[in-house]
Amino acid sequence: MSSPRIGTPAPAAPPFVGVEPVAPGKIDTGTGPSVDVLDKSIPRTSTPSIAKAPLSPSQAPSRALLDLVLAADKTAFVEKLPAREAKVLQDRAFAKQVALNLQLSPYGAPNAVIIDRLRQDPVIRERLPNISMKDLEVLRQSFPGIVPNPNVPLDFGHACSPNLEGHLDIIASMYVQASSRRDQLAQRFKDYSIADPNKYFGQRFKHERGYLQLNNVPATRVSQSETEAIRKALGGEGPGFYLRRAIINAPPHFAPKEIAEEHNRDIDYYACLMWWGDGDSVEKAKARARVTPEQVVALMNRAPNETGAKIFAERQAQLRSAIAEELGAAKSGENLYSLLDRICERLEKASVLLPGTKQVGRRGESDWMLFATPPPVTATLTPEQVLGFIQGEPTFADKLGALLSDRRDNFDRQLAEKMAKTLGSRAARMSLSEITQVMKKQDPSFNDHTVQHLISSFPDLFGALKVERSRVEMNFLLANQVADAMGKMFVGATLDDVAKFMKAQSPDFAAAFPDFAAEDVRLLQAAYPFLPQWDKRTDAVSPSATQGMPLDGFLRFATQHLGKDEGAAIGQAVIETIAKDVDTPDVPPELDARLTAAFRRAALKRAADAVGIRPLSAYDPNSSYPLLLDFIAGRPSPTMSHAALVSILSDPKGLGFPAEKASAAAMALLKADSLDFVGLADTLSAALVGNPNAETEFLKVSNLALGYEAIHTRLERDVFKNSELKAAFKRFARIPLRLPMIQHVVDKYKEDQPLKDTNVLMVQHMLGQAYPQIGGYKALGMNPEDAIFVGIPYHKNVEVEQAVAKSFGLVPRVPPRDMQALYSEIERSVDDLVKKHLENAKKMLVVCDGPTARDYFKKKYPYLLDQVHFTEQTAFGDRPEYRNDKAMHVVSYARTDLKAKKEAKFIGQAVVRAVNAVETQLKTGHEQKPVLILGFGPIGQATAEAFAGDRASVYVYDPYMTPEMEKLAKDGGYTVVKDKKTIADGKFMLIGCSGHLSIDEEQIMSSDPNAIYVSASSKLVEINMKKLAELATDDQGRIRKVLAAEVNNQQTWHYWLKDGTIRTVIADGLPANFNDINSVPPEWIDMTMSLSLAAAVQSIRGQEKGYVSLNDGDQKELLELHEQLVERIHGEAKAAASAEAPAS
């Protein structure tokens, strides 16, 4: 038998304890708000049900359907209104939100307190963030039946009636005065400008003909003993005086939880009223003033008259009466919003009629007290709130369901068919929120609950479709590399082994972190949860990936109902498995077993909590109760049958459940143990009939089930079948932390901090080398806040972007893989650099890759050329016309021996490696095939040498071929070709190395069918891509371009020409060698990065304008350092070979 609600008339011993004023399933006074499948808080007045199956006409409609119908009917209702009336409807809803806040504002509050309260309300803040008393007066005049005068609270209607005992406002006033609280109150509220404490209440309680005088109000003609008696009934020194305000003015759909929340919103004010003065603290007073939902219920039970609980119950009865009458008069198929709005209008016009609210008596020629009766708080109700109340009342809900029965099925099916047609087979690859967003574009009434309801209700349309519910970190990169090393360690390895291994594996790491030890690893483990958390390795799993990987948020969602520790452990296990080289598209058995065990434990705990299984503080150790605890906790225990569980649950030495409850609880535990979430939900629903927590428990089980299904579905679909995602976890480990030649330049100049007070623009490749390069600039004084980094987008390395952003706080600007977009970004960044200079007056340094930034700066900011310094690293940007320009400070290292000769060798090898990777996917190779090298400068020579070493037949062409170059080519075994018209004939592959256009229309048309084109120089200059696209455009204007291969997101395309032949372009014409974290190995590209840093120092120190090369001193030092590095690499091998050589 269910208990009466607060809204029922109270018998002699009012049974309010544990009873909700709204409805079962809507309020849980002991728990927080419900959380939906996307972890969003759901207002308790609109908690949704989860529709499990299509609804029959006899059932109450689900909240999902009601929300859907209400949204659609509201749209239809508003569309029929004239524009002015529609605007009034919107304003009225806003007025109701304001009115509710005014009705609930605290006793005796100055206007400033009331305004503060209003401005904290998110609905009000969005429309009127600086709402004022003048705004309130405008609203009151526009909606006098809704908005009260802030200085005439509803309580006065009751306080002024001699027929009620509730006179709380007046009694509170008397209590404050009698206890000398007025001065204390004024002292605590100095900021609110209460100038005269003696008139404090007069300022607050003002009637139409003057200030309130206590002896003028009949309700104050009570003895001190009566006042004390009422005060005692309301808790004496406790918060009862002030809690009544929230109770008596609560709208009828409120529950104890909402009443407590409303009271606690004004805790600062009430704490001042409850402050004892000297010896007390405001914080202690706050603690005394704060209430819980349980305290609300207890006080309402103890003093239904004094608290206003009876008035609140009358208000609920008034709401029920209005609902009953309107539902009774409604017709099937009627507009739902119109129906609910009529109920709201009835309550706006109705007031709690109390004698004495208009005129209490006369004194001479004046009324003793004439108050304007404020609007009833029921006038603040909205259709949405009324709908929530109706759904919580079974009788009303069934009646509403009958009214909607003619519309429901057709309405649902129309929407479901519309959704199925829109999504098609894509639905299986979309999450709940993604589907919702798609459908919202067509129909704003769609929400997550609607989508979920339709999918579950129409299996004939959707089948078995399951959808997913879904600062600078200086050591971020180091942590990733430690994680990678930990993943490679042997079983039994310790953290000390990890530290020693990393230093032994890389001399550069040892030089950068000479004192790196186990304690450093422990600190990283604490700072970065993605690191494996072992002290000694016991199994052969691999590390996690970074917090920033896209899987991270999903894992937090899917495991949110497992508990914090269990969820974190499962998330860690998933990422460890991904980081491991698992060659399977399925969830590996070890991970699957761990997932299953974790969700089984969570389901058992959920079931146990729902059916009331609580830990016993004392029990007979010889009973079977400990076995039950082991079973629920997922610990090893005997197999449990239904009978065995019933026996344990009903054992009087243990829990002592009645037989029926024990049977239901046992069934719920068995369903949870088998992860039968549907069966568990049904069992709990049956066992908790009439329990106000039933809907909450059902929602919790539903969310747990969604997590279990989603984590398996997505891991298989998006992770273990996604080799690129798994590879991304490995790429972080390939970013170099620190390089020795860069460090040499840093050590040489760091004492002077030459880059301090400098705005820096770097236009550099988005490769792993950027990390130690930026680190070097920062070590020489560059402030990342004064720096801009433009990443050249030959290859998008998101791992490098993330490492730079997290480690240095410098977010790279990486435009799309389009040269015009790059040029636009460079120009925008130059503008931003100048803006920084004008703001902070610091010098400017531009680290160039080509002349684009210099040309733009000179053209737009010629008056600032004295303040800017440049470096140059490309041969294209170091041509005679630039050398002859003396208007700027430029230091170039493009034609130094290290850059032009040494680096070129490695670039040639990088091109070969990149081409090989693509050819593998193309199912071909260049071995023993004719390969044409176009341009025989340093890059061309190195590329020819590399391809010849790869057994290709090398041909070379250079229109500027000198006798020396020709001899060098022939000595290398290459064939020199000179007739430009025929150079492409018969060639398997053409490689542009010239730094300008080398593969034009003539070469394209004379190439063999299926010829492959490669660019080995910067920018998009070697191949006429515009002409190629034109030749591949058919009569319908389509560019016939087909994806041929993809290596680490670098795409190679087939261009299908109009003559039917195909030309294949690696990297779509961009430099082929940029296809991974590193192009040239870090230990060799170090020489270029160190040149960059040395040139920056020379440039920023330069006094005279002109275009100069890097000074001989730095060039010589770095060249010698490079040669020492090479010698060190070969030294041991040479020594060993020398020792084997026979004596002559």
Foldseek 3Di string as FASTA:
>chain_A
DFDDALLDDADPQRPLFPHWLFFFQLDDQVDDAFAFLARDGDPSLQDWFFAQAADDLQDFDTSLLVLLLQVVLVVVVLVPDPPVVSVVVVLLLVLLVLQLLLLLQWALDFQVSSQVSQLVDPVSCVPPNNDHLVNLVVSCVVQVLRHWNSLFHQLLLVLQFPVALQVLSLLLVVVCVVLVLLVLLCVLVVVSPPPDSVCSSQNRHDADPGGDDSVLGPSSPDDPVSSQVLCVLQPNLAQSSTLLSLQQQPQSNDTLQVSLVSQLVSLQSQLSSSAPPPPGDSVVSSVRNHDGSSVVSVSCSSCVRNSNSNNSSVNNVLLVVLLVVLLVPDAAPDSLQVSLVVSLVVLSPDDDDGPRQAAPADDPPGTSGGHDNGRGSSNSDHSSSSVSSQCSDRVSSSSVSNSHVVPRVVVLVVVLVVLCVQCPPVLLVAALVVSQVSVCVVPVSGDSSSVSNSCSHCCVRNPPRFHASYAFDQCQLVLLQLQQLVLPDDAFDFLQNSQVVVCVVDVQVCVVCVPRGSVVNQVSCVVFVQRDDDRGHHDNWGTAFHCPAPCNRVLCSLCVLLDDVLSSVLVGVLRRNLLDPDQDLADDPVSVVSLLLSLLLSQLVLLCVLLPNDDDPDADPPACQVLVVCLNNSHDHDDDDLVNQLCRCCPPRHPNDPNVSSSLSSQLNVCSNVVVLVSNLVSSLVSQVSHSCNSVSSSSSVSSNSSSVVVRSCCSVPGSVDVLSSVLRVQSNQQDQAADLLVVLLVVQLVVLLCALEQEEEEEALFSLVNNLVVSNVSSHDQLVSYAYEHQPLDDDVSSQVNCCNNRVHHHHYFPNDVVRSLVVLLVVLVVNVVSCVVRVGAYEYEDAACSNVVSCCVPPVVCQQRYFYEYAAVNRVDPVNQPDQSHQYAYANPFCLNQAVVLLLLLLLLQVLVVVLCVLLVHDQAQFEEEEEAQGRNSVNNQLNVVVVRHQYEYEYQPQDPVSVVVQVVSVHHYDYPLQQRQARHQEYEYDHQAAACEPSNVVRHDFAREYAYSDADQGHHPLVVLQVQLQDPVRDFPKAFRDAAQNQTKIWGQGPVRGTYIYGSSRHHSQPRGNDSGRPNSCSLVSSLSSQRRSCRSPDNGTGYYYRDPVSSVVSVVVNVVVVCVVCVVVVVVVVVPDDDD
